[in-house]
Amino acid sequence: MKCKDFQNQFEDFDKSRLSFKMNEDFINHLKTCPDCREELEIYYIVKYGLSDDDIIDNQMRSKEEFANRHAFQKLFDSLDFAGIVDLKLKLEEQKQERIKKRRKLNRYFLMTVNMLMLLTCIIWFIINYL
């Protein structure tokens, strides 16, 4: 994807509406592209820096963000939009890692259940036919 495609997804990223894969690609792109990172800072400046609304209440969408409410509040109060981008990226990376771990555990659990079902079928067959 091109930078323009990523820049069109700033609002979806801000509101956590990207799919898992797209969010992962978005984070990786922002880590390597200083232009898009700067554009995201500008997005936050325009979206929240020029707003009179209660920024923090509107910004807190996930448990992780709510848990880091004071960090967000401090960054918004000091108008440190680069820090906001860094914190948001860090939280999204942590969320991605938790999802990956959960998926891995789910796979192990399903493999265990399948093995138990297979073992049960084998035992049933042995008991009934041998």
N, C-alpha and C. Protein backbone atom coordinates (compact mmCIF):
# COMPACT_ATOMS: atom_id res chain seq x y z
N MET A 1 0.84 -1.18 0.00
CA MET A 1 0.00 0.00 0.00
C MET A 1 0.88 1.24 0.00
N LYS A 2 0.32 2.30 -0.47
CA LYS A 2 1.03 3.57 -0.52
C LYS A 2 0.69 4.41 0.70
N CYS A 3 1.51 5.41 0.93
CA CYS A 3 1.31 6.29 2.08
C CYS A 3 -0.09 6.91 2.07
N LYS A 4 -0.56 7.28 0.91
CA LYS A 4 -1.89 7.91 0.81
C LYS A 4 -2.98 6.97 1.33
N ASP A 5 -2.83 5.67 1.04
CA ASP A 5 -3.81 4.70 1.53
C ASP A 5 -3.80 4.64 3.06
N PHE A 6 -2.62 4.67 3.64
CA PHE A 6 -2.52 4.65 5.10
C PHE A 6 -3.07 5.94 5.70
N GLN A 7 -2.79 7.06 5.06
CA GLN A 7 -3.26 8.34 5.58
C GLN A 7 -4.78 8.44 5.54
N ASN A 8 -5.41 7.74 4.62
CA ASN A 8 -6.87 7.73 4.55
C ASN A 8 -7.48 6.92 5.70
N GLN A 9 -6.67 6.18 6.41
CA GLN A 9 -7.18 5.32 7.49
C GLN A 9 -6.88 5.87 8.89
N PHE A 10 -6.45 7.10 8.97
CA PHE A 10 -6.13 7.68 10.28
C PHE A 10 -7.33 7.65 11.22
N GLU A 11 -8.48 8.02 10.72
CA GLU A 11 -9.66 8.06 11.59
C GLU A 11 -10.04 6.66 12.07
N ASP A 12 -9.96 5.67 11.16
CA ASP A 12 -10.25 4.30 11.56
C ASP A 12 -9.25 3.80 12.60
N PHE A 13 -7.99 4.17 12.45
CA PHE A 13 -6.97 3.79 13.44
C PHE A 13 -7.27 4.47 14.78
N ASP A 14 -7.59 5.74 14.73
CA ASP A 14 -7.88 6.51 15.94
C ASP A 14 -9.06 5.91 16.69
N LYS A 15 -10.05 5.44 15.96
CA LYS A 15 -11.26 4.89 16.59
C LYS A 15 -11.21 3.37 16.72
N SER A 16 -10.04 2.77 16.47
CA SER A 16 -9.83 1.31 16.60
C SER A 16 -10.82 0.51 15.77
N ARG A 17 -11.00 0.92 14.52
CA ARG A 17 -11.92 0.23 13.62
C ARG A 17 -11.20 -0.57 12.54
N LEU A 18 -9.88 -0.69 12.62
CA LEU A 18 -9.14 -1.45 11.62
C LEU A 18 -9.16 -2.93 11.98
N SER A 19 -9.12 -3.78 10.96
CA SER A 19 -9.02 -5.21 11.20
C SER A 19 -7.66 -5.53 11.82
N PHE A 20 -7.53 -6.73 12.33
CA PHE A 20 -6.28 -7.13 12.97
C PHE A 20 -5.10 -6.98 12.01
N LYS A 21 -5.22 -7.53 10.82
CA LYS A 21 -4.13 -7.49 9.84
C LYS A 21 -3.85 -6.06 9.40
N MET A 22 -4.91 -5.30 9.14
CA MET A 22 -4.72 -3.92 8.69
C MET A 22 -4.08 -3.08 9.79
N ASN A 23 -4.48 -3.31 11.03
CA ASN A 23 -3.90 -2.59 12.15
C ASN A 23 -2.41 -2.91 12.28
N GLU A 24 -2.06 -4.18 12.10
CA GLU A 24 -0.66 -4.59 12.16
C GLU A 24 0.15 -3.92 11.05
N ASP A 25 -0.39 -3.92 9.83
CA ASP A 25 0.28 -3.26 8.71
C ASP A 25 0.42 -1.76 8.96
N PHE A 26 -0.63 -1.16 9.51
CA PHE A 26 -0.64 0.27 9.79
C PHE A 26 0.46 0.62 10.80
N ILE A 27 0.56 -0.15 11.87
CA ILE A 27 1.58 0.10 12.90
C ILE A 27 2.98 -0.05 12.31
N ASN A 28 3.19 -1.12 11.56
CA ASN A 28 4.51 -1.35 10.95
C ASN A 28 4.87 -0.22 9.98
N HIS A 29 3.89 0.26 9.24
CA HIS A 29 4.16 1.35 8.31
C HIS A 29 4.53 2.63 9.07
N LEU A 30 3.79 2.92 10.14
CA LEU A 30 4.09 4.14 10.92
C LEU A 30 5.46 4.08 11.57
N LYS A 31 5.93 2.88 11.90
CA LYS A 31 7.26 2.75 12.49
C LYS A 31 8.35 3.09 11.49
N THR A 32 8.08 2.84 10.20
CA THR A 32 9.13 3.01 9.18
C THR A 32 8.96 4.26 8.33
N CYS A 33 7.82 4.92 8.41
CA CYS A 33 7.56 6.07 7.54
C CYS A 33 7.40 7.35 8.37
N PRO A 34 8.43 8.17 8.44
CA PRO A 34 8.32 9.41 9.23
C PRO A 34 7.29 10.39 8.66
N ASP A 35 7.06 10.35 7.35
CA ASP A 35 6.07 11.26 6.76
C ASP A 35 4.67 10.93 7.26
N CYS A 36 4.32 9.65 7.26
CA CYS A 36 2.98 9.26 7.73
C CYS A 36 2.84 9.50 9.23
N ARG A 37 3.91 9.29 9.96
CA ARG A 37 3.88 9.55 11.40
C ARG A 37 3.62 11.04 11.66
N GLU A 38 4.28 11.88 10.89
CA GLU A 38 4.06 13.32 11.02
C GLU A 38 2.64 13.69 10.61
N GLU A 39 2.13 13.05 9.57
CA GLU A 39 0.75 13.31 9.15
C GLU A 39 -0.24 12.88 10.23
N LEU A 40 0.06 11.78 10.93
CA LEU A 40 -0.82 11.35 12.02
C LEU A 40 -0.78 12.37 13.16
N GLU A 41 0.38 12.92 13.44
CA GLU A 41 0.47 13.99 14.45
C GLU A 41 -0.39 15.18 14.03
N ILE A 42 -0.32 15.54 12.77
CA ILE A 42 -1.13 16.66 12.26
C ILE A 42 -2.61 16.33 12.38
N TYR A 43 -2.97 15.07 12.09
CA TYR A 43 -4.36 14.64 12.25
C TYR A 43 -4.82 14.87 13.69
N TYR A 44 -3.98 14.46 14.66
CA TYR A 44 -4.34 14.65 16.07
C TYR A 44 -4.41 16.13 16.43
N ILE A 45 -3.52 16.93 15.88
CA ILE A 45 -3.56 18.37 16.16
C ILE A 45 -4.87 18.96 15.67
N VAL A 46 -5.24 18.63 14.44
CA VAL A 46 -6.47 19.17 13.86
C VAL A 46 -7.69 18.61 14.58
N LYS A 47 -7.68 17.31 14.85
CA LYS A 47 -8.85 16.65 15.44
C LYS A 47 -9.06 17.05 16.90
N TYR A 48 -7.98 17.09 17.67
CA TYR A 48 -8.13 17.31 19.11
C TYR A 48 -7.53 18.63 19.60
N GLY A 49 -6.49 19.10 18.95
CA GLY A 49 -5.83 20.32 19.41
C GLY A 49 -6.66 21.57 19.18
N LEU A 50 -7.49 21.55 18.15
CA LEU A 50 -8.32 22.71 17.84
C LEU A 50 -9.73 22.57 18.38
N SER A 51 -9.97 21.52 19.15
CA SER A 51 -11.31 21.23 19.65
C SER A 51 -11.47 21.74 21.07
N ASP A 52 -12.66 22.21 21.39
CA ASP A 52 -12.97 22.64 22.76
C ASP A 52 -13.65 21.54 23.56
N ASP A 53 -13.91 20.41 22.91
CA ASP A 53 -14.58 19.30 23.58
C ASP A 53 -13.68 18.69 24.64
N ASP A 54 -14.29 17.87 25.48
CA ASP A 54 -13.51 17.12 26.45
C ASP A 54 -12.81 15.99 25.71
N ILE A 55 -11.56 16.22 25.40
CA ILE A 55 -10.79 15.32 24.53
C ILE A 55 -10.67 13.94 25.14
N ILE A 56 -10.34 13.86 26.38
CA ILE A 56 -10.04 12.57 26.99
C ILE A 56 -11.26 11.66 26.99
N ASP A 57 -12.42 12.16 27.36
CA ASP A 57 -13.61 11.31 27.38
C ASP A 57 -13.95 10.81 25.98
N ASN A 58 -13.73 11.62 24.97
CA ASN A 58 -13.99 11.18 23.60
C ASN A 58 -12.92 10.22 23.09
N GLN A 59 -11.72 10.32 23.62
CA GLN A 59 -10.59 9.52 23.14
C GLN A 59 -10.58 8.11 23.73
N MET A 60 -11.08 7.94 24.95
CA MET A 60 -10.99 6.66 25.63
C MET A 60 -12.00 5.67 25.05
N ARG A 61 -11.51 4.71 24.29
CA ARG A 61 -12.38 3.74 23.66
C ARG A 61 -12.13 2.32 24.16
N SER A 62 -10.92 2.03 24.55
CA SER A 62 -10.60 0.68 24.98
C SER A 62 -10.18 0.68 26.44
N LYS A 63 -10.13 -0.50 27.03
CA LYS A 63 -9.71 -0.62 28.42
C LYS A 63 -8.28 -0.13 28.60
N GLU A 64 -7.43 -0.43 27.61
CA GLU A 64 -6.03 -0.02 27.70
C GLU A 64 -5.92 1.50 27.71
N GLU A 65 -6.68 2.13 26.83
CA GLU A 65 -6.64 3.59 26.78
C GLU A 65 -7.20 4.19 28.06
N PHE A 66 -8.27 3.58 28.58
CA PHE A 66 -8.85 4.09 29.82
C PHE A 66 -7.87 3.93 30.98
N ALA A 67 -7.14 2.82 31.00
CA ALA A 67 -6.15 2.59 32.05
C ALA A 67 -5.01 3.60 31.96
N ASN A 68 -4.75 4.10 30.78
CA ASN A 68 -3.68 5.10 30.57
C ASN A 68 -4.25 6.51 30.45
N ARG A 69 -5.40 6.71 31.04
CA ARG A 69 -6.10 8.00 30.94
C ARG A 69 -5.23 9.17 31.40
N HIS A 70 -4.52 8.98 32.50
CA HIS A 70 -3.69 10.07 33.03
C HIS A 70 -2.55 10.40 32.09
N ALA A 71 -1.97 9.38 31.48
CA ALA A 71 -0.89 9.63 30.52
C ALA A 71 -1.42 10.40 29.32
N PHE A 72 -2.61 9.99 28.82
CA PHE A 72 -3.22 10.72 27.71
C PHE A 72 -3.54 12.15 28.12
N GLN A 73 -4.10 12.32 29.33
CA GLN A 73 -4.48 13.66 29.80
C GLN A 73 -3.26 14.56 29.87
N LYS A 74 -2.16 14.04 30.39
CA LYS A 74 -0.93 14.82 30.51
C LYS A 74 -0.43 15.24 29.13
N LEU A 75 -0.45 14.30 28.17
CA LEU A 75 0.01 14.60 26.82
C LEU A 75 -0.90 15.62 26.13
N PHE A 76 -2.22 15.46 26.30
CA PHE A 76 -3.15 16.41 25.69
C PHE A 76 -3.01 17.79 26.31
N ASP A 77 -2.84 17.83 27.64
CA ASP A 77 -2.69 19.13 28.31
C ASP A 77 -1.44 19.86 27.87
N SER A 78 -0.37 19.11 27.62
CA SER A 78 0.88 19.74 27.18
C SER A 78 0.95 19.88 25.66
N LEU A 79 -0.12 19.45 24.98
CA LEU A 79 -0.20 19.49 23.51
C LEU A 79 0.98 18.75 22.87
N ASP A 80 1.37 17.65 23.48
CA ASP A 80 2.45 16.81 22.96
C ASP A 80 1.85 15.74 22.05
N PHE A 81 1.56 16.14 20.82
CA PHE A 81 0.89 15.24 19.90
C PHE A 81 1.81 14.13 19.40
N ALA A 82 3.11 14.38 19.37
CA ALA A 82 4.06 13.30 19.03
C ALA A 82 4.02 12.24 20.12
N GLY A 83 3.92 12.66 21.37
CA GLY A 83 3.80 11.72 22.48
C GLY A 83 2.51 10.94 22.43
N ILE A 84 1.43 11.60 22.00
CA ILE A 84 0.15 10.93 21.86
C ILE A 84 0.25 9.83 20.81
N VAL A 85 0.89 10.14 19.68
CA VAL A 85 1.08 9.15 18.62
C VAL A 85 1.90 7.98 19.16
N ASP A 86 2.98 8.27 19.88
CA ASP A 86 3.83 7.21 20.44
C ASP A 86 3.04 6.33 21.41
N LEU A 87 2.27 6.95 22.30
CA LEU A 87 1.49 6.19 23.27
C LEU A 87 0.43 5.35 22.59
N LYS A 88 -0.26 5.94 21.63
CA LYS A 88 -1.30 5.20 20.89
C LYS A 88 -0.68 4.00 20.16
N LEU A 89 0.47 4.20 19.52
CA LEU A 89 1.14 3.10 18.83
C LEU A 89 1.57 2.01 19.81
N LYS A 90 2.09 2.43 20.96
CA LYS A 90 2.52 1.46 21.97
C LYS A 90 1.33 0.62 22.46
N LEU A 91 0.20 1.28 22.72
CA LEU A 91 -0.98 0.56 23.18
C LEU A 91 -1.51 -0.38 22.11
N GLU A 92 -1.50 0.07 20.86
CA GLU A 92 -1.97 -0.79 19.77
C GLU A 92 -1.05 -1.99 19.58
N GLU A 93 0.26 -1.79 19.73
CA GLU A 93 1.20 -2.91 19.62
C GLU A 93 0.96 -3.92 20.74
N GLN A 94 0.73 -3.43 21.94
CA GLN A 94 0.44 -4.33 23.07
C GLN A 94 -0.84 -5.11 22.82
N LYS A 95 -1.84 -4.43 22.27
CA LYS A 95 -3.10 -5.10 21.95
C LYS A 95 -2.88 -6.18 20.90
N GLN A 96 -2.09 -5.88 19.88
CA GLN A 96 -1.79 -6.85 18.83
C GLN A 96 -1.10 -8.08 19.42
N GLU A 97 -0.15 -7.85 20.32
CA GLU A 97 0.58 -8.97 20.94
C GLU A 97 -0.36 -9.83 21.78
N ARG A 98 -1.27 -9.21 22.53
CA ARG A 98 -2.23 -9.98 23.32
C ARG A 98 -3.12 -10.82 22.42
N ILE A 99 -3.56 -10.26 21.30
CA ILE A 99 -4.40 -11.00 20.37
C ILE A 99 -3.64 -12.18 19.79
N LYS A 100 -2.37 -11.96 19.43
CA LYS A 100 -1.56 -13.07 18.90
C LYS A 100 -1.41 -14.18 19.93
N LYS A 101 -1.13 -13.82 21.18
CA LYS A 101 -0.99 -14.83 22.23
C LYS A 101 -2.30 -15.59 22.44
N ARG A 102 -3.41 -14.86 22.44
CA ARG A 102 -4.71 -15.49 22.63
C ARG A 102 -5.01 -16.46 21.49
N ARG A 103 -4.70 -16.07 20.27
CA ARG A 103 -4.92 -16.95 19.12
C ARG A 103 -4.06 -18.20 19.23
N LYS A 104 -2.83 -18.03 19.67
CA LYS A 104 -1.93 -19.18 19.83
C LYS A 104 -2.47 -20.13 20.89
N LEU A 105 -2.91 -19.60 22.02
CA LEU A 105 -3.49 -20.43 23.07
C LEU A 105 -4.74 -21.14 22.59
N ASN A 106 -5.56 -20.44 21.81
CA ASN A 106 -6.77 -21.06 21.25
C ASN A 106 -6.41 -22.23 20.35
N ARG A 107 -5.37 -22.06 19.53
CA ARG A 107 -4.94 -23.15 18.66
C ARG A 107 -4.50 -24.36 19.48
N TYR A 108 -3.71 -24.13 20.52
CA TYR A 108 -3.27 -25.23 21.38
C TYR A 108 -4.45 -25.91 22.05
N PHE A 109 -5.38 -25.12 22.52
CA PHE A 109 -6.56 -25.67 23.15
C PHE A 109 -7.35 -26.54 22.17
N LEU A 110 -7.57 -26.04 20.96
CA LEU A 110 -8.31 -26.81 19.96
C LEU A 110 -7.57 -28.09 19.57
N MET A 111 -6.26 -28.03 19.46
CA MET A 111 -5.49 -29.24 19.16
C MET A 111 -5.64 -30.26 20.28
N THR A 112 -5.62 -29.80 21.52
CA THR A 112 -5.78 -30.69 22.66
C THR A 112 -7.16 -31.34 22.65
N VAL A 113 -8.17 -30.55 22.40
CA VAL A 113 -9.54 -31.08 22.34
C VAL A 113 -9.65 -32.10 21.21
N ASN A 114 -9.08 -31.80 20.06
CA ASN A 114 -9.12 -32.75 18.94
C ASN A 114 -8.41 -34.05 19.28
N MET A 115 -7.28 -33.96 19.93
CA MET A 115 -6.55 -35.17 20.32
C MET A 115 -7.36 -36.00 21.31
N LEU A 116 -8.02 -35.33 22.25
CA LEU A 116 -8.86 -36.05 23.22
C LEU A 116 -10.04 -36.72 22.53
N MET A 117 -10.63 -36.04 21.57
CA MET A 117 -11.74 -36.64 20.82
C MET A 117 -11.27 -37.86 20.04
N LEU A 118 -10.13 -37.74 19.41
CA LEU A 118 -9.57 -38.86 18.66
C LEU A 118 -9.25 -40.03 19.60
N LEU A 119 -8.67 -39.73 20.73
CA LEU A 119 -8.36 -40.76 21.71
C LEU A 119 -9.64 -41.44 22.21
N THR A 120 -10.67 -40.66 22.45
CA THR A 120 -11.96 -41.20 22.87
C THR A 120 -12.53 -42.13 21.81
N CYS A 121 -12.46 -41.73 20.56
CA CYS A 121 -12.96 -42.58 19.47
C CYS A 121 -12.16 -43.88 19.38
N ILE A 122 -10.87 -43.81 19.54
CA ILE A 122 -10.04 -45.01 19.49
C ILE A 122 -10.38 -45.95 20.65
N ILE A 123 -10.52 -45.40 21.84
CA ILE A 123 -10.88 -46.22 23.00
C ILE A 123 -12.26 -46.83 22.80
N TRP A 124 -13.20 -46.07 22.32
CA TRP A 124 -14.55 -46.58 22.07
C TRP A 124 -14.50 -47.73 21.06
N PHE A 125 -13.73 -47.56 20.00
CA PHE A 125 -13.60 -48.60 18.98
C PHE A 125 -12.98 -49.86 19.58
N ILE A 126 -11.95 -49.71 20.38
CA ILE A 126 -11.28 -50.86 21.00
C ILE A 126 -12.25 -51.59 21.93
N ILE A 127 -12.98 -50.86 22.73
CA ILE A 127 -13.91 -51.47 23.68
C ILE A 127 -15.03 -52.21 22.94
N ASN A 128 -15.55 -51.63 21.90
CA ASN A 128 -16.70 -52.22 21.21
C ASN A 128 -16.35 -53.29 20.19
N TYR A 129 -15.21 -53.24 19.58
CA TYR A 129 -14.93 -54.15 18.47
C TYR A 129 -13.74 -55.08 18.69
N LEU A 130 -13.07 -54.96 19.75
CA LEU A 130 -11.94 -55.87 19.97
C LEU A 130 -12.09 -56.69 21.20
